[in-house]
N, C-alpha and C. Protein backbone atom coordinates (compact mmCIF):
# COMPACT_ATOMS: atom_id res chain seq x y z
N MET A 1 13.40 21.72 1.32
CA MET A 1 12.85 20.67 0.69
C MET A 1 12.48 19.76 1.54
N PRO A 2 11.32 18.98 1.30
CA PRO A 2 10.80 18.04 2.30
C PRO A 2 11.86 16.85 2.35
N ARG A 3 11.88 16.29 3.48
CA ARG A 3 12.59 14.94 3.68
C ARG A 3 11.64 13.67 3.00
N LEU A 4 12.48 12.87 2.40
CA LEU A 4 12.07 11.53 1.66
C LEU A 4 11.92 10.63 2.94
N LYS A 5 10.73 10.56 3.14
CA LYS A 5 10.37 9.31 4.13
C LYS A 5 10.72 7.96 3.51
N PRO A 6 11.57 7.16 4.00
CA PRO A 6 11.81 5.72 3.31
C PRO A 6 10.55 4.95 3.33
N LEU A 7 10.71 3.98 2.53
CA LEU A 7 9.63 2.85 2.32
C LEU A 7 10.10 1.42 2.65
N THR A 8 9.27 0.96 3.80
CA THR A 8 9.61 -0.43 4.11
C THR A 8 8.48 -1.45 3.74
N PHE A 9 9.20 -2.24 2.86
CA PHE A 9 8.02 -3.46 2.29
C PHE A 9 8.03 -4.47 3.34
N LEU A 10 6.86 -5.01 3.86
CA LEU A 10 6.64 -6.14 4.67
C LEU A 10 6.01 -7.41 3.94
N GLY A 11 6.51 -8.75 4.44
CA GLY A 11 6.33 -9.88 3.72
C GLY A 11 6.68 -9.92 2.17
N SER A 12 5.70 -10.12 1.47
CA SER A 12 5.98 -10.34 -0.13
C SER A 12 5.69 -9.01 -0.75
N SER A 13 5.26 -8.00 -0.22
CA SER A 13 4.79 -6.98 -0.91
C SER A 13 5.48 -6.51 -1.80
N ARG A 14 6.82 -6.27 -1.84
CA ARG A 14 7.64 -5.83 -2.92
C ARG A 14 7.62 -6.67 -3.96
N ASP A 15 7.95 -8.30 -3.81
CA ASP A 15 7.84 -9.03 -4.80
C ASP A 15 6.66 -9.08 -5.50
N ASP A 16 5.46 -8.81 -4.75
CA ASP A 16 4.07 -8.87 -5.26
C ASP A 16 3.95 -7.66 -6.30
N LEU A 17 4.54 -6.70 -5.84
CA LEU A 17 4.25 -5.22 -6.63
C LEU A 17 5.37 -5.45 -7.80
N ARG A 18 6.44 -5.94 -7.89
CA ARG A 18 7.11 -6.28 -9.23
C ARG A 18 6.49 -7.17 -10.00
N GLU A 19 5.67 -8.17 -9.78
CA GLU A 19 4.96 -9.03 -10.57
C GLU A 19 3.89 -8.48 -11.44
N MET A 20 3.60 -7.22 -10.93
CA MET A 20 2.36 -6.37 -11.75
C MET A 20 2.87 -5.64 -13.03
N PRO A 21 2.08 -5.65 -13.96
CA PRO A 21 2.41 -5.12 -15.42
C PRO A 21 3.07 -3.60 -15.19
N ALA A 22 4.14 -3.51 -16.06
CA ALA A 22 5.09 -2.37 -16.06
C ALA A 22 4.28 -1.17 -15.51
N ALA A 23 3.36 -0.90 -16.58
CA ALA A 23 2.50 0.44 -16.36
C ALA A 23 1.86 0.59 -14.98
N VAL A 24 1.45 -0.48 -14.26
CA VAL A 24 1.01 -0.57 -13.11
C VAL A 24 1.98 -0.10 -12.02
N ARG A 25 3.03 -0.74 -12.09
CA ARG A 25 4.23 -0.77 -11.23
C ARG A 25 4.48 0.80 -11.21
N HIS A 26 4.92 1.29 -12.58
CA HIS A 26 5.22 2.75 -12.79
C HIS A 26 3.97 3.82 -11.75
N ALA A 27 2.75 3.38 -11.95
CA ALA A 27 1.75 4.42 -11.59
C ALA A 27 1.78 4.12 -9.79
N ILE A 28 1.98 3.20 -9.14
CA ILE A 28 2.17 2.88 -7.87
C ILE A 28 3.36 3.46 -7.32
N GLY A 29 4.40 3.23 -8.13
CA GLY A 29 5.58 3.80 -7.88
C GLY A 29 5.43 5.32 -7.69
N VAL A 30 5.05 5.95 -8.66
CA VAL A 30 4.76 7.53 -8.72
C VAL A 30 3.96 7.65 -7.15
N GLU A 31 2.98 7.01 -7.11
CA GLU A 31 1.78 7.49 -5.77
C GLU A 31 2.78 7.21 -4.78
N LEU A 32 3.47 6.03 -4.57
CA LEU A 32 4.28 6.16 -3.43
C LEU A 32 5.31 7.27 -3.14
N MET A 33 6.00 7.55 -4.22
CA MET A 33 6.84 8.49 -4.13
C MET A 33 6.43 9.72 -3.55
N THR A 34 4.82 9.84 -4.09
CA THR A 34 4.17 11.45 -3.80
C THR A 34 4.05 10.84 -2.35
N VAL A 35 3.60 10.11 -1.75
CA VAL A 35 3.45 9.68 -0.27
C VAL A 35 4.79 9.90 0.64
N GLN A 36 5.81 9.69 -0.13
CA GLN A 36 7.20 9.76 0.74
C GLN A 36 7.46 11.16 0.72
N PHE A 37 7.08 12.19 -0.07
CA PHE A 37 7.41 13.53 -0.06
C PHE A 37 6.32 14.29 0.93
N GLY A 38 5.12 13.48 1.34
CA GLY A 38 4.10 14.09 2.47
C GLY A 38 3.10 14.45 1.39
N GLY A 39 3.14 13.97 0.11
CA GLY A 39 1.69 14.40 -0.67
C GLY A 39 0.64 13.56 -0.75
N ILE A 40 -0.38 13.62 -1.32
CA ILE A 40 -1.72 12.58 -1.31
C ILE A 40 -1.87 12.00 -2.68
N PRO A 41 -1.93 10.69 -2.70
CA PRO A 41 -2.15 10.02 -3.90
C PRO A 41 -3.34 10.52 -4.72
N THR A 42 -3.18 10.25 -5.92
CA THR A 42 -4.31 10.51 -6.82
C THR A 42 -5.51 9.74 -6.47
N ASP A 43 -5.40 8.67 -6.40
CA ASP A 43 -6.70 7.66 -6.08
C ASP A 43 -6.31 6.70 -4.69
N PHE A 44 -6.94 7.06 -3.80
CA PHE A 44 -6.60 6.21 -2.78
C PHE A 44 -7.71 6.37 -1.57
N LYS A 45 -7.85 5.31 -0.63
CA LYS A 45 -9.05 5.58 0.40
C LYS A 45 -8.44 4.71 1.69
N PRO A 46 -8.85 5.35 2.95
CA PRO A 46 -8.53 4.76 4.24
C PRO A 46 -9.16 3.25 4.15
N ILE A 47 -8.60 2.46 4.84
CA ILE A 47 -9.03 1.10 5.23
C ILE A 47 -8.80 0.79 6.54
N ALA A 48 -9.60 1.28 7.34
CA ALA A 48 -9.61 1.52 8.69
C ALA A 48 -9.78 -0.24 9.37
N SER A 49 -10.34 -1.09 8.30
CA SER A 49 -10.51 -2.63 8.97
C SER A 49 -8.99 -3.08 9.04
N VAL A 50 -8.11 -2.48 8.55
CA VAL A 50 -6.68 -2.95 8.52
C VAL A 50 -5.95 -2.58 9.67
N GLY A 51 -6.07 -1.45 10.01
CA GLY A 51 -5.55 -0.57 11.20
C GLY A 51 -5.45 0.67 10.95
N ALA A 52 -5.14 1.41 12.07
CA ALA A 52 -5.18 2.78 12.18
C ALA A 52 -4.32 3.63 11.11
N GLY A 53 -4.60 4.30 10.35
CA GLY A 53 -3.68 4.85 9.62
C GLY A 53 -3.47 4.14 8.19
N ALA A 54 -4.02 3.10 7.82
CA ALA A 54 -4.06 2.32 6.67
C ALA A 54 -4.49 2.87 5.58
N TYR A 55 -4.04 2.97 4.54
CA TYR A 55 -4.77 3.50 3.08
C TYR A 55 -4.32 2.47 2.06
N GLU A 56 -5.38 2.59 0.93
CA GLU A 56 -4.89 1.78 -0.20
C GLU A 56 -4.59 2.71 -1.40
N ILE A 57 -3.69 2.70 -2.39
CA ILE A 57 -3.51 3.32 -3.42
C ILE A 57 -4.30 2.53 -4.44
N ARG A 58 -5.05 3.23 -5.29
CA ARG A 58 -6.01 2.17 -6.15
C ARG A 58 -5.54 2.42 -7.46
N VAL A 59 -5.04 1.69 -8.55
CA VAL A 59 -5.05 1.86 -9.84
C VAL A 59 -5.65 0.98 -10.90
N ARG A 60 -6.44 1.44 -11.97
CA ARG A 60 -6.79 0.49 -12.82
C ARG A 60 -5.91 0.59 -14.16
N ASP A 61 -6.15 -0.40 -14.85
CA ASP A 61 -5.29 -0.55 -15.90
C ASP A 61 -6.17 -1.81 -16.81
N VAL A 62 -5.68 -1.70 -18.17
CA VAL A 62 -6.16 -2.43 -18.84
C VAL A 62 -6.24 -4.07 -18.26
N ALA A 63 -5.24 -4.36 -17.43
CA ALA A 63 -5.20 -5.85 -17.01
C ALA A 63 -6.06 -6.09 -15.95
N GLY A 64 -6.67 -4.76 -15.20
CA GLY A 64 -7.68 -5.20 -14.17
C GLY A 64 -7.34 -3.94 -13.04
N ALA A 65 -7.90 -4.21 -11.87
CA ALA A 65 -7.72 -3.39 -10.84
C ALA A 65 -6.61 -3.75 -9.91
N PHE A 66 -5.64 -3.01 -9.33
CA PHE A 66 -4.33 -3.13 -8.69
C PHE A 66 -4.63 -2.42 -7.12
N ARG A 67 -4.15 -2.83 -6.30
CA ARG A 67 -4.23 -2.20 -4.92
C ARG A 67 -2.92 -2.25 -4.06
N THR A 68 -2.34 -1.44 -3.41
CA THR A 68 -1.29 -1.36 -2.70
C THR A 68 -1.83 -0.72 -1.16
N VAL A 69 -1.52 -1.46 -0.25
CA VAL A 69 -2.11 -1.01 0.95
C VAL A 69 -0.76 -0.39 1.84
N TYR A 70 -0.77 0.65 2.75
CA TYR A 70 0.11 1.25 3.05
C TYR A 70 -0.08 2.07 4.12
N VAL A 71 0.75 2.19 5.36
CA VAL A 71 0.70 3.22 6.47
C VAL A 71 1.74 4.09 6.62
N THR A 72 1.37 5.34 6.81
CA THR A 72 2.37 6.40 6.80
C THR A 72 2.37 6.79 8.14
N LYS A 73 1.58 6.76 9.46
CA LYS A 73 1.64 7.38 10.43
C LYS A 73 2.58 7.04 11.48
N PHE A 74 3.75 6.24 10.96
CA PHE A 74 4.90 6.19 12.07
C PHE A 74 6.07 7.05 11.34
N ASP A 75 6.45 7.98 12.03
CA ASP A 75 7.86 8.62 12.08
C ASP A 75 8.88 8.11 10.91
N ASP A 76 9.36 6.73 11.28
CA ASP A 76 10.62 6.32 10.71
C ASP A 76 10.28 5.92 9.52
N SER A 77 9.20 5.46 8.91
CA SER A 77 8.96 4.78 7.52
C SER A 77 7.44 4.75 7.08
N ILE A 78 7.57 4.66 5.66
CA ILE A 78 6.28 4.23 5.40
C ILE A 78 6.07 2.77 5.20
N TYR A 79 5.17 2.22 5.53
CA TYR A 79 5.29 0.57 5.68
C TYR A 79 4.16 0.08 4.29
N VAL A 80 4.50 -0.53 3.63
CA VAL A 80 3.73 -1.35 2.55
C VAL A 80 3.44 -2.86 3.00
N LEU A 81 2.25 -2.59 3.13
CA LEU A 81 1.74 -3.84 3.82
C LEU A 81 1.52 -5.12 2.83
N HIS A 82 0.80 -4.79 1.63
CA HIS A 82 0.21 -5.76 0.82
C HIS A 82 -0.01 -4.92 -0.70
N ALA A 83 0.43 -5.97 -1.64
CA ALA A 83 0.05 -5.35 -3.25
C ALA A 83 -0.58 -6.51 -3.93
N PHE A 84 -1.64 -6.34 -4.35
CA PHE A 84 -2.50 -7.27 -4.99
C PHE A 84 -3.04 -6.82 -6.23
N GLN A 85 -3.83 -7.74 -7.08
CA GLN A 85 -4.76 -7.27 -8.04
C GLN A 85 -6.10 -7.73 -7.57
N LYS A 86 -6.96 -6.98 -7.53
CA LYS A 86 -8.58 -7.21 -7.33
C LYS A 86 -9.13 -8.15 -8.21
N LYS A 87 -9.69 -9.17 -7.86
CA LYS A 87 -10.17 -9.89 -8.76
C LYS A 87 -11.97 -10.00 -8.65
N THR A 88 -12.47 -9.41 -7.59
CA THR A 88 -13.91 -9.09 -7.55
C THR A 88 -14.12 -7.80 -7.08
N GLN A 89 -15.43 -7.29 -7.30
CA GLN A 89 -15.67 -5.82 -6.90
C GLN A 89 -15.13 -5.48 -5.37
N LYS A 90 -15.59 -6.67 -4.34
CA LYS A 90 -15.14 -6.24 -3.10
C LYS A 90 -13.94 -6.83 -2.68
N THR A 91 -13.16 -5.98 -1.81
CA THR A 91 -11.65 -6.56 -1.67
C THR A 91 -11.80 -8.17 -0.58
N ALA A 92 -10.98 -9.08 -1.29
CA ALA A 92 -11.26 -10.24 -0.61
C ALA A 92 -10.83 -10.11 0.89
N LYS A 93 -11.33 -11.03 1.55
CA LYS A 93 -11.02 -11.31 2.98
C LYS A 93 -9.67 -11.40 3.14
N ALA A 94 -9.04 -12.55 2.22
CA ALA A 94 -7.76 -13.07 2.45
C ALA A 94 -6.73 -11.79 2.47
N ASP A 95 -6.94 -11.18 1.30
CA ASP A 95 -5.92 -9.88 1.15
C ASP A 95 -6.03 -8.70 2.53
N LEU A 96 -7.44 -8.50 3.13
CA LEU A 96 -7.66 -7.72 4.34
C LEU A 96 -6.92 -8.47 5.34
N ASP A 97 -7.03 -9.80 5.49
CA ASP A 97 -6.37 -10.45 6.74
C ASP A 97 -4.96 -10.37 6.52
N LEU A 98 -4.46 -10.39 5.39
CA LEU A 98 -3.06 -10.61 5.24
C LEU A 98 -2.29 -9.10 5.35
N ALA A 99 -3.12 -8.11 5.11
CA ALA A 99 -2.51 -6.73 5.29
C ALA A 99 -2.58 -6.45 7.06
N ARG A 100 -3.81 -7.00 7.50
CA ARG A 100 -3.81 -6.55 9.30
C ARG A 100 -2.80 -7.49 9.77
N ARG A 101 -2.27 -8.66 9.46
CA ARG A 101 -1.29 -9.56 9.78
C ARG A 101 0.03 -8.82 9.85
N ARG A 102 0.35 -8.14 8.76
CA ARG A 102 1.68 -7.49 8.55
C ARG A 102 1.60 -6.10 9.33
N TYR A 103 0.48 -5.67 9.44
CA TYR A 103 0.38 -4.14 10.09
C TYR A 103 1.01 -4.62 11.65
N LYS A 104 0.53 -5.70 12.06
CA LYS A 104 1.00 -6.18 13.62
C LYS A 104 2.59 -6.45 13.63
N LEU A 105 3.07 -6.27 12.52
CA LEU A 105 4.54 -6.76 12.48
C LEU A 105 5.25 -5.14 12.55
N ILE A 106 4.73 -4.11 12.29
CA ILE A 106 5.31 -2.82 12.10
C ILE A 106 5.64 -2.60 13.77
N PRO A 107 6.98 -2.00 14.08
CA PRO A 107 7.20 -1.74 15.49
C PRO A 107 6.38 -0.78 16.07
N GLY A 108 5.97 -0.90 17.21
CA GLY A 108 5.00 0.28 17.77
C GLY A 108 3.58 0.16 17.34
N ALA A 109 3.28 -0.82 16.55
CA ALA A 109 1.76 -0.70 16.12
C ALA A 109 0.95 -1.25 17.01
N LYS A 110 -0.32 -0.62 16.93
CA LYS A 110 -1.33 -0.83 17.78
C LYS A 110 -2.66 -0.79 16.94
N PRO A 111 -2.89 -1.75 16.28
CA PRO A 111 -3.89 -1.77 15.43
C PRO A 111 -5.44 -1.46 16.05
């Protein structure tokens, strides 16, 4: 049986995720659990501008588009950097900047 890799939420990412609609929280939770077991999320993409090994899980709901940025490349944990609702087609610079700052908080991270 594969080892369950723990999640580490940085900054307000856990609280931000908790504020999302229930269906979105559930969908992102299932996707994160898939990643914890070494699987690949249903809808995700790399975000190299945040840092090496950073990805975003993408969930669309009647309430809008939601994203969770995470990093899996470290052996000790999966780091959840940021969880947010997209308001425009392009990801806001403030959201990317916040994810970059939190990436730098990961022990041993070299963005």
